Amino acid sequence: MSSPPAAPPSPSASSSFSLRRIAVPAFGPSLLFGLGEGAILPIVPLTARELGASVPIAALMVALIGIGSLLNNIPASMITMRWGERWAIVVAGVWSGLGMALCVGTSHLGLFATGCFMVGMSQAVYNLARQSYMTEAVPPEFRARALSTLGGVMRIGMFAGPFLAAGAVHAYGLPAAYVVGIVAVMGAAALGARIPDLEVPPAPPGHVAPAPTTIVSTLRDHRRVFLTLGLGVMLVSAVRASRQAVIPLWADHLMLAPSVASLIYGLAGGIDMLVFYPAGKVMDQKGRRWVAVPSMLIMGLAMLLMPLTTGTLTLLLVALAIGFGNGIGSGMIMTLGADHSPRHGRAHFLGVWRLMSDIGSSCGPALLSFLAGSLSLASGIAAIGLIAFAAAGALAYWIPRRGKAGKAAEAAESAKAESATPGA
């Protein structure tokens, strides 16, 4: 059974809460999980080519990781509901390690593809379980900082992973990258096993346990959130996923050297990783809109300016703006999902929420590719910029004012509990 939800923290508990106290068990697994995935991602297409895959098939091997995550968001919610957040995190780390071991231990392209898919499956389970756990374990007034840090630490791991893998590959060959990945994700599983269980709240007098939730009941009960703010989150994810392609593609369009393109991309990633905690603090103290809307406006403006760049310096400035806009939005999607998720059946809600986010992440680069092929690369990048402005408008309109989302979710839960009370 899933770990029961924690009781709402008292004011004294909230005032004594410190992110530093939970840093290692809460953020350590994210750092290691990100490091493990970052170590293998650049190596997957190279390994596929060594196994005889064509260039398109090698690219598909990388895509299978994302596909595995997309298709397993709903099963991940069921795993988390049944086993609880702590053991879901442990299982995700072990399953990812097995997938990487299959990738490095086989000479058959079909089995290699299965290993890549397994890594994507574990990504879905891990991401949902860590978000669900942090939502329960952290007082609401620290929620954005905690989830922004969670997302930022994962990005740091993804950033550092390729460098560790590069050193290992240089010394021992391509399989060494998978060894780095396996050690990292198994370390994440070991740290995850040390996460303290959530406390069981006392049952209110005269109340009975609410009826079990399902994916169907979750979709029905929260359809308004999914059809409003959820659509905004899909647009945000489309923009974020596209940013990873537009910088190297436009650098190539400007005929910059690959080393220069990589440097620009890396500097943008560095800015991305520096601002996640201050942004989370602003979200906690001022409200979600103060970060969510500027994040999309900055990225949208930078995307529209990118086709006007003509050289290294101008492209660098635009890329840094994209990195800053994306960085201040670290943890934004997780925070909005946590704000609107009910205490009962939270994993099912977050499973649907993450599914919508992953759909956006898949559609963004696909739209960029279609427009670049049918019109021009500049038109595709400009279209992504307009989508960012649409996302900013959707978030500005649908994000509740500070504190209202959590209160609405608690009110809905209270109404359900009262309806289940004898004599209510």
Protein backbone atom coordinates (compact mmCIF):
# COMPACT_ATOMS: atom_id res chain seq x y z
CA MET A 1 0.00 0.00 0.00
CA SER A 2 1.09 3.61 -0.54
CA SER A 3 2.59 5.53 2.33
CA PRO A 4 -0.30 7.37 4.00
CA PRO A 5 -0.29 11.14 3.60
CA ALA A 6 1.37 13.17 6.28
CA ALA A 7 -0.68 15.33 8.54
CA PRO A 8 -0.70 19.03 7.68
CA PRO A 9 2.26 20.61 9.45
CA SER A 10 1.60 22.81 12.42
CA PRO A 11 2.92 26.38 12.46
CA SER A 12 5.67 25.39 14.85
CA ALA A 13 6.68 22.46 12.64
CA SER A 14 6.75 24.72 9.60
CA SER A 15 8.85 27.36 11.34
CA SER A 16 11.40 24.75 12.44
CA PHE A 17 11.60 23.07 9.02
CA SER A 18 14.93 23.28 7.20
CA LEU A 19 15.76 22.08 3.70
CA ARG A 20 19.31 21.41 4.86
CA ARG A 21 18.15 18.71 7.26
CA ILE A 22 16.60 16.69 4.45
CA ALA A 23 19.21 17.56 1.81
CA VAL A 24 20.99 14.20 1.58
CA PRO A 25 18.00 11.82 1.63
CA ALA A 26 15.77 14.12 -0.45
CA PHE A 27 18.15 15.61 -3.00
CA GLY A 28 20.98 13.07 -3.05
CA PRO A 29 19.04 10.47 -5.06
CA SER A 30 18.07 13.14 -7.61
CA LEU A 31 21.69 14.18 -8.09
CA LEU A 32 22.81 10.58 -8.59
CA PHE A 33 19.85 9.66 -10.80
CA GLY A 34 20.51 12.67 -13.02
CA LEU A 35 24.21 11.87 -13.12
CA GLY A 36 23.49 8.29 -14.17
CA GLU A 37 21.18 9.28 -17.00
CA GLY A 38 23.45 12.11 -18.10
CA ALA A 39 26.36 9.69 -18.31
CA ILE A 40 24.68 7.40 -20.84
CA LEU A 41 22.61 9.78 -22.98
CA PRO A 42 25.47 10.92 -25.26
CA ILE A 43 26.75 7.35 -25.49
CA VAL A 44 23.48 5.62 -26.45
CA PRO A 45 23.55 6.61 -30.16
CA LEU A 46 27.24 5.76 -30.42
CA THR A 47 26.64 2.31 -28.95
CA ALA A 48 23.72 1.77 -31.31
CA ARG A 49 25.95 2.64 -34.27
CA GLU A 50 28.53 0.11 -33.06
CA LEU A 51 25.75 -2.50 -33.00
CA GLY A 52 25.01 -1.79 -36.67
CA ALA A 53 22.15 0.71 -36.41
CA SER A 54 21.67 3.38 -39.06
CA VAL A 55 21.74 7.04 -38.03
CA PRO A 56 17.89 7.32 -37.83
CA ILE A 57 17.69 4.11 -35.78
CA ALA A 58 20.45 5.36 -33.48
CA ALA A 59 18.43 8.52 -32.90
CA LEU A 60 15.38 6.35 -32.19
CA MET A 61 17.30 4.58 -29.41
CA VAL A 62 17.62 7.91 -27.62
CA ALA A 63 13.96 8.68 -28.27
CA LEU A 64 12.98 5.35 -26.68
CA ILE A 65 14.07 6.71 -23.29
CA GLY A 66 11.57 9.55 -23.60
CA ILE A 67 8.92 7.22 -25.00
CA GLY A 68 9.41 4.86 -22.08
CA SER A 69 8.84 7.74 -19.67
CA LEU A 70 5.79 9.02 -21.56
CA LEU A 71 4.04 5.65 -21.70
CA ASN A 72 4.71 4.76 -18.08
CA ASN A 73 3.48 7.84 -16.20
CA ILE A 74 0.14 6.21 -15.42
CA PRO A 75 1.66 2.82 -14.42
CA ALA A 76 4.14 4.79 -12.30
CA SER A 77 1.25 6.30 -10.35
CA MET A 78 -0.14 2.83 -9.68
CA ILE A 79 3.27 1.58 -8.50
CA THR A 80 3.63 4.56 -6.18
CA MET A 81 0.12 4.12 -4.79
CA ARG A 82 0.71 0.43 -4.12
CA TRP A 83 4.29 0.42 -2.78
CA GLY A 84 4.67 3.94 -1.45
CA GLU A 85 7.04 6.69 -2.51
CA ARG A 86 10.16 5.38 -0.79
CA TRP A 87 10.11 1.92 -2.33
CA ALA A 88 9.05 3.29 -5.71
CA ILE A 89 12.25 5.39 -5.70
CA VAL A 90 14.30 2.31 -4.80
CA VAL A 91 12.67 0.17 -7.49
CA ALA A 92 13.19 2.91 -10.09
CA GLY A 93 16.92 3.05 -9.38
CA VAL A 94 17.30 -0.74 -9.54
CA TRP A 95 15.21 -1.00 -12.74
CA SER A 96 17.28 1.75 -14.40
CA GLY A 97 20.47 -0.07 -13.42
CA LEU A 98 19.15 -3.30 -14.94
CA GLY A 99 18.26 -1.45 -18.14
CA MET A 100 21.75 0.02 -18.40
CA ALA A 101 23.29 -3.39 -17.69
CA LEU A 102 21.22 -4.84 -20.54
CA CYS A 103 22.44 -2.06 -22.84
CA VAL A 104 26.08 -2.73 -22.11
CA GLY A 105 25.79 -6.52 -21.89
CA THR A 106 24.15 -7.27 -25.23
CA SER A 107 25.22 -7.31 -28.86
CA HIS A 108 21.62 -7.49 -30.13
CA LEU A 109 20.04 -4.21 -31.19
CA GLY A 110 16.56 -5.32 -30.08
CA LEU A 111 17.75 -6.03 -26.54
CA PHE A 112 19.64 -2.76 -26.54
CA ALA A 113 16.38 -0.97 -27.41
CA THR A 114 14.66 -2.82 -24.55
CA GLY A 115 17.32 -1.57 -22.14
CA CYS A 116 16.80 2.03 -23.31
CA PHE A 117 13.05 1.66 -22.84
CA MET A 118 13.62 0.32 -19.32
CA VAL A 119 15.67 3.40 -18.45
CA GLY A 120 12.75 5.56 -19.60
CA MET A 121 10.30 3.50 -17.55
CA SER A 122 12.38 4.00 -14.43
CA GLN A 123 12.54 7.73 -15.13
CA ALA A 124 8.74 7.96 -14.99
CA VAL A 125 8.51 6.04 -11.70
CA TYR A 126 11.34 7.95 -10.06
CA ASN A 127 10.16 11.42 -11.09
CA LEU A 128 6.60 10.81 -9.90
CA ALA A 129 7.62 9.19 -6.61
CA ARG A 130 10.10 11.93 -5.67
CA GLN A 131 7.55 14.65 -6.46
CA SER A 132 4.82 12.92 -4.47
CA TYR A 133 7.14 12.41 -1.49
CA MET A 134 8.40 15.99 -1.41
CA THR A 135 4.86 17.33 -1.73
CA GLU A 136 3.87 15.43 1.41
CA ALA A 137 7.07 15.89 3.40
CA VAL A 138 7.64 19.63 2.93
CA PRO A 139 5.39 22.33 4.46
CA PRO A 140 3.51 24.31 1.77
CA GLU A 141 5.40 27.53 2.51
CA PHE A 142 8.66 25.78 1.53
CA ARG A 143 7.21 23.77 -1.35
CA ALA A 144 8.44 25.81 -4.32
CA ARG A 145 11.98 26.05 -2.91
CA ALA A 146 12.07 22.30 -2.27
CA LEU A 147 10.75 21.33 -5.70
CA SER A 148 12.86 23.94 -7.51
CA THR A 149 15.92 22.57 -5.73
CA LEU A 150 14.84 19.05 -6.63
CA GLY A 151 14.65 19.98 -10.30
CA GLY A 152 17.87 21.99 -10.14
CA VAL A 153 19.84 19.20 -8.49
CA MET A 154 18.64 16.78 -11.17
CA ARG A 155 19.89 19.21 -13.83
CA ILE A 156 23.25 19.47 -12.13
CA GLY A 157 23.54 15.69 -12.27
CA MET A 158 22.53 15.62 -15.93
CA PHE A 159 25.13 18.33 -16.63
CA ALA A 160 27.97 16.57 -14.77
CA GLY A 161 27.17 13.05 -16.01
CA PRO A 162 28.55 13.44 -19.55
CA PHE A 163 31.85 14.80 -18.21
CA LEU A 164 32.33 11.82 -15.89
CA ALA A 165 31.38 9.48 -18.71
CA ALA A 166 33.80 11.19 -21.09
CA GLY A 167 36.71 10.51 -18.74
CA ALA A 168 35.65 6.89 -18.26
CA VAL A 169 35.18 6.33 -22.00
CA HIS A 170 38.55 7.86 -22.77
CA ALA A 171 40.23 5.46 -20.35
CA TYR A 172 38.22 2.26 -20.84
CA GLY A 173 35.95 2.57 -23.89
CA LEU A 174 32.21 3.04 -24.44
CA PRO A 175 31.03 0.40 -21.92
CA ALA A 176 32.59 2.41 -19.10
CA ALA A 177 29.92 5.10 -19.49
CA TYR A 178 27.25 2.55 -18.62
CA VAL A 179 29.25 1.43 -15.59
CA VAL A 180 29.26 5.06 -14.38
CA GLY A 181 25.51 5.18 -14.96
CA ILE A 182 24.84 1.91 -13.15
CA VAL A 183 26.89 2.94 -10.11
CA ALA A 184 25.08 6.28 -9.96
CA VAL A 185 21.50 4.97 -10.21
CA MET A 186 22.18 2.14 -7.78
CA GLY A 187 23.60 4.73 -5.40
CA ALA A 188 20.37 6.68 -5.86
CA ALA A 189 18.40 3.55 -4.93
CA ALA A 190 20.55 3.03 -1.82
CA LEU A 191 20.02 6.62 -0.68
CA GLY A 192 16.33 6.35 -1.50
CA ALA A 193 16.01 3.39 0.86
CA ARG A 194 17.11 5.71 3.70
CA ILE A 195 14.34 8.24 3.11
CA PRO A 196 12.19 8.35 6.26
CA ASP A 197 8.63 7.12 5.91
CA LEU A 198 5.88 9.70 6.00
CA GLU A 199 3.98 9.94 9.27
CA VAL A 200 0.48 8.53 9.47
CA PRO A 201 -2.00 11.27 10.45
CA PRO A 202 -4.58 10.49 13.13
CA ALA A 203 -8.02 9.71 11.72
CA PRO A 204 -10.57 12.47 12.44
CA PRO A 205 -13.24 11.34 14.93
CA GLY A 206 -16.27 9.82 13.22
CA HIS A 207 -14.66 9.69 9.78
CA VAL A 208 -14.23 6.62 7.65
CA ALA A 209 -11.54 6.04 5.04
CA PRO A 210 -12.43 7.61 1.67
CA ALA A 211 -13.11 5.36 -1.29
CA PRO A 212 -10.03 4.33 -3.31
CA THR A 213 -9.27 6.58 -6.25
CA THR A 214 -8.66 5.44 -9.81
CA ILE A 215 -7.26 7.13 -12.89
CA VAL A 216 -10.81 7.52 -14.23
CA SER A 217 -12.11 9.10 -11.02
CA THR A 218 -9.07 11.38 -10.91
CA LEU A 219 -9.69 12.56 -14.47
CA ARG A 220 -13.36 13.15 -13.66
CA ASP A 221 -12.86 14.94 -10.35
CA HIS A 222 -10.05 17.20 -11.56
CA ARG A 223 -10.97 17.65 -15.21
CA ARG A 224 -11.21 21.44 -14.88
CA VAL A 225 -7.60 21.71 -13.68
CA PHE A 226 -6.36 19.37 -16.41
CA LEU A 227 -8.26 21.22 -19.15
CA THR A 228 -7.07 24.66 -18.05
CA LEU A 229 -3.78 24.84 -16.18
CA GLY A 230 -2.83 21.40 -17.50
CA LEU A 231 -2.95 22.71 -21.07
CA GLY A 232 -0.73 25.61 -20.01
CA VAL A 233 1.75 23.11 -18.60
CA MET A 234 1.77 21.25 -21.93
CA LEU A 235 2.72 24.50 -23.69
CA VAL A 236 5.48 25.16 -21.13
CA SER A 237 6.90 21.66 -21.67
CA ALA A 238 6.83 22.08 -25.46
CA VAL A 239 8.91 25.26 -25.20
CA ARG A 240 11.36 23.77 -22.72
CA ALA A 241 11.96 20.65 -24.77
CA SER A 242 12.44 22.68 -27.96
CA ARG A 243 15.11 24.90 -26.41
CA GLN A 244 17.51 21.95 -26.35
CA ALA A 245 17.40 21.77 -30.14
CA VAL A 246 17.15 25.40 -31.24
CA ILE A 247 20.56 26.53 -29.92
CA PRO A 248 22.70 23.90 -31.69
CA LEU A 249 20.52 24.02 -34.83
CA TRP A 250 20.77 27.80 -35.16
CA ALA A 251 24.50 27.67 -34.39
CA ASP A 252 24.86 25.22 -37.27
CA HIS A 253 22.74 27.53 -39.46
CA LEU A 254 25.21 30.34 -38.70
CA MET A 255 28.04 27.94 -39.62
CA LEU A 256 29.70 28.24 -36.23
CA ALA A 257 32.28 25.62 -35.28
CA PRO A 258 30.88 22.66 -33.29
CA SER A 259 33.16 23.56 -30.38
CA VAL A 260 31.71 27.09 -30.30
CA ALA A 261 28.16 25.74 -30.44
CA SER A 262 28.92 23.38 -27.56
CA LEU A 263 30.42 26.23 -25.51
CA ILE A 264 27.34 28.41 -26.04
CA TYR A 265 25.06 25.53 -25.09
CA GLY A 266 27.14 24.80 -21.99
CA LEU A 267 27.15 28.43 -20.83
CA ALA A 268 23.37 28.59 -21.23
CA GLY A 269 23.13 25.41 -19.15
CA GLY A 270 25.36 26.97 -16.49
CA ILE A 271 23.05 29.98 -16.14
CA ASP A 272 20.13 27.55 -16.01
CA MET A 273 21.60 25.82 -12.95
CA LEU A 274 22.48 28.96 -10.98
CA VAL A 275 19.05 30.48 -10.46
CA PHE A 276 16.74 27.65 -9.39
CA TYR A 277 16.83 28.30 -5.64
CA PRO A 278 16.23 32.10 -5.75
CA ALA A 279 13.35 31.48 -8.14
CA GLY A 280 11.82 28.91 -5.77
CA LYS A 281 12.11 31.38 -2.90
CA VAL A 282 10.27 34.04 -4.93
CA MET A 283 7.51 31.53 -5.72
CA ASP A 284 7.12 30.73 -2.03
CA GLN A 285 7.13 34.32 -0.86
CA LYS A 286 5.39 36.18 -3.70
CA GLY A 287 3.37 33.50 -5.49
CA ARG A 288 3.75 31.19 -8.48
CA ARG A 289 2.83 33.79 -11.10
CA TRP A 290 5.83 35.95 -10.20
CA VAL A 291 8.14 33.32 -11.68
CA ALA A 292 6.02 31.21 -14.03
CA VAL A 293 4.89 34.09 -16.26
CA PRO A 294 8.30 35.87 -16.54
CA SER A 295 9.95 32.52 -17.28
CA MET A 296 7.84 32.03 -20.39
CA LEU A 297 7.98 35.70 -21.45
CA ILE A 298 11.79 35.71 -21.31
CA MET A 299 12.06 32.44 -23.24
CA GLY A 300 9.48 33.59 -25.79
CA LEU A 301 11.25 36.89 -26.44
CA ALA A 302 14.62 35.13 -26.73
CA MET A 303 13.19 32.62 -29.21
CA LEU A 304 11.80 35.44 -31.36
CA LEU A 305 15.15 37.23 -31.28
CA MET A 306 17.21 34.14 -32.14
CA PRO A 307 16.50 34.22 -35.92
CA LEU A 308 17.85 37.80 -35.89
CA THR A 309 21.24 36.79 -34.49
CA THR A 310 24.15 36.85 -36.92
CA GLY A 311 27.19 35.63 -35.00
CA THR A 312 28.69 34.15 -31.87
CA LEU A 313 28.13 37.09 -29.52
CA THR A 314 24.50 37.75 -30.39
CA LEU A 315 23.65 34.04 -30.30
CA LEU A 316 25.39 33.74 -26.91
CA LEU A 317 23.32 36.58 -25.45
CA VAL A 318 20.07 35.02 -26.67
CA ALA A 319 21.11 31.56 -25.45
CA LEU A 320 21.93 32.98 -22.00
CA ALA A 321 18.47 34.58 -21.89
CA ILE A 322 16.89 31.22 -22.75
CA GLY A 323 18.95 29.55 -20.01
CA PHE A 324 17.93 32.19 -17.48
CA GLY A 325 14.25 31.95 -18.40
CA ASN A 326 14.31 28.18 -18.18
CA GLY A 327 16.33 28.21 -14.97
CA ILE A 328 13.95 30.43 -13.01
CA GLY A 329 11.18 28.03 -14.03
CA SER A 330 12.96 25.04 -12.47
CA GLY A 331 10.45 23.03 -10.47
CA MET A 332 7.56 25.19 -11.70
CA ILE A 333 5.59 22.33 -13.25
CA MET A 334 6.15 20.12 -10.20
CA THR A 335 5.11 22.93 -7.86
CA LEU A 336 1.90 23.68 -9.76
CA GLY A 337 1.06 19.97 -9.80
CA ALA A 338 1.72 19.70 -6.08
CA ASP A 339 -0.44 22.76 -5.37
CA HIS A 340 -3.46 21.26 -7.11
CA SER A 341 -2.99 17.61 -6.17
CA PRO A 342 -5.43 16.15 -3.61
CA ARG A 343 -4.13 14.53 -0.45
CA HIS A 344 -6.06 11.35 -1.24
CA GLY A 345 -4.99 9.81 -4.55
CA ARG A 346 -2.11 12.24 -5.05
CA ALA A 347 -0.02 9.80 -7.09
CA HIS A 348 -2.81 9.30 -9.64
CA PHE A 349 -3.20 13.06 -10.06
CA LEU A 350 0.55 13.57 -10.47
CA GLY A 351 0.71 10.66 -12.94
CA VAL A 352 -1.79 12.40 -15.22
CA TRP A 353 -0.03 15.74 -14.65
CA ARG A 354 3.33 14.30 -15.69
CA LEU A 355 1.73 12.58 -18.68
CA MET A 356 0.45 15.94 -19.93
CA SER A 357 3.88 17.47 -19.39
CA ASP A 358 5.59 14.66 -21.31
CA ILE A 359 3.11 14.99 -24.18
CA GLY A 360 4.09 18.64 -24.47
CA SER A 361 7.77 17.71 -24.35
CA SER A 362 7.24 15.30 -27.25
CA CYS A 363 5.14 17.66 -29.37
CA GLY A 364 7.42 20.73 -29.09
CA PRO A 365 10.47 19.32 -30.92
CA ALA A 366 8.17 17.53 -33.39
CA LEU A 367 6.50 20.85 -34.29
CA LEU A 368 9.92 22.52 -34.61
CA SER A 369 11.05 19.74 -36.96
CA PHE A 370 7.89 19.97 -39.07
CA LEU A 371 8.05 23.75 -39.47
CA ALA A 372 11.79 23.72 -40.15
CA GLY A 373 11.25 21.16 -42.90
CA SER A 374 8.15 22.69 -44.47
CA LEU A 375 8.98 26.41 -44.05
CA SER A 376 12.33 27.32 -42.49
CA LEU A 377 14.27 26.88 -39.27
CA ALA A 378 13.70 30.56 -38.44
CA SER A 379 9.93 30.07 -38.80
CA GLY A 380 10.02 27.03 -36.51
CA ILE A 381 11.98 28.88 -33.81
CA ALA A 382 9.66 31.89 -34.04
CA ALA A 383 6.64 29.60 -33.68
CA ILE A 384 8.10 28.16 -30.47
CA GLY A 385 8.53 31.74 -29.23
CA LEU A 386 4.84 32.44 -29.88
CA ILE A 387 3.93 29.24 -28.02
CA ALA A 388 5.95 30.56 -25.06
CA PHE A 389 3.87 33.75 -25.07
CA ALA A 390 0.69 31.64 -25.22
CA ALA A 391 1.98 29.64 -22.24
CA ALA A 392 2.65 32.87 -20.32
CA GLY A 393 -0.92 34.02 -20.98
CA ALA A 394 -2.38 30.67 -19.92
CA LEU A 395 -0.36 30.63 -16.70
CA ALA A 396 -1.23 34.25 -15.89
CA TYR A 397 -4.93 33.51 -16.34
CA TRP A 398 -5.21 30.08 -14.71
CA ILE A 399 -2.69 30.08 -11.87
CA PRO A 400 -4.71 30.89 -8.75
CA ARG A 401 -3.68 33.72 -6.55
CA ARG A 402 -1.18 32.85 -3.84
CA GLY A 403 -2.49 30.15 -1.50
CA LYS A 404 -5.80 29.54 -3.27
CA ALA A 405 -4.77 26.33 -5.02
CA GLY A 406 -3.80 24.55 -1.84
CA LYS A 407 -6.92 25.75 -0.05
CA ALA A 408 -9.11 24.58 -2.92
CA ALA A 409 -7.55 21.11 -2.86
CA GLU A 410 -7.96 20.87 0.93
CA ALA A 411 -11.58 22.01 0.66
CA ALA A 412 -12.31 19.33 -1.91
CA GLU A 413 -10.73 16.69 0.31
CA SER A 414 -12.75 17.90 3.31
CA ALA A 415 -15.96 17.73 1.30
CA LYS A 416 -15.18 14.14 0.30
CA ALA A 417 -14.40 13.19 3.88
CA GLU A 418 -17.63 14.74 5.15
CA SER A 419 -19.68 12.86 2.57
CA ALA A 420 -18.10 9.63 3.81
CA THR A 421 -18.88 10.42 7.46
CA PRO A 422 -21.82 8.50 8.97
CA GLY A 423 -24.72 10.84 9.53
CA ALA A 424 -23.16 13.67 7.54
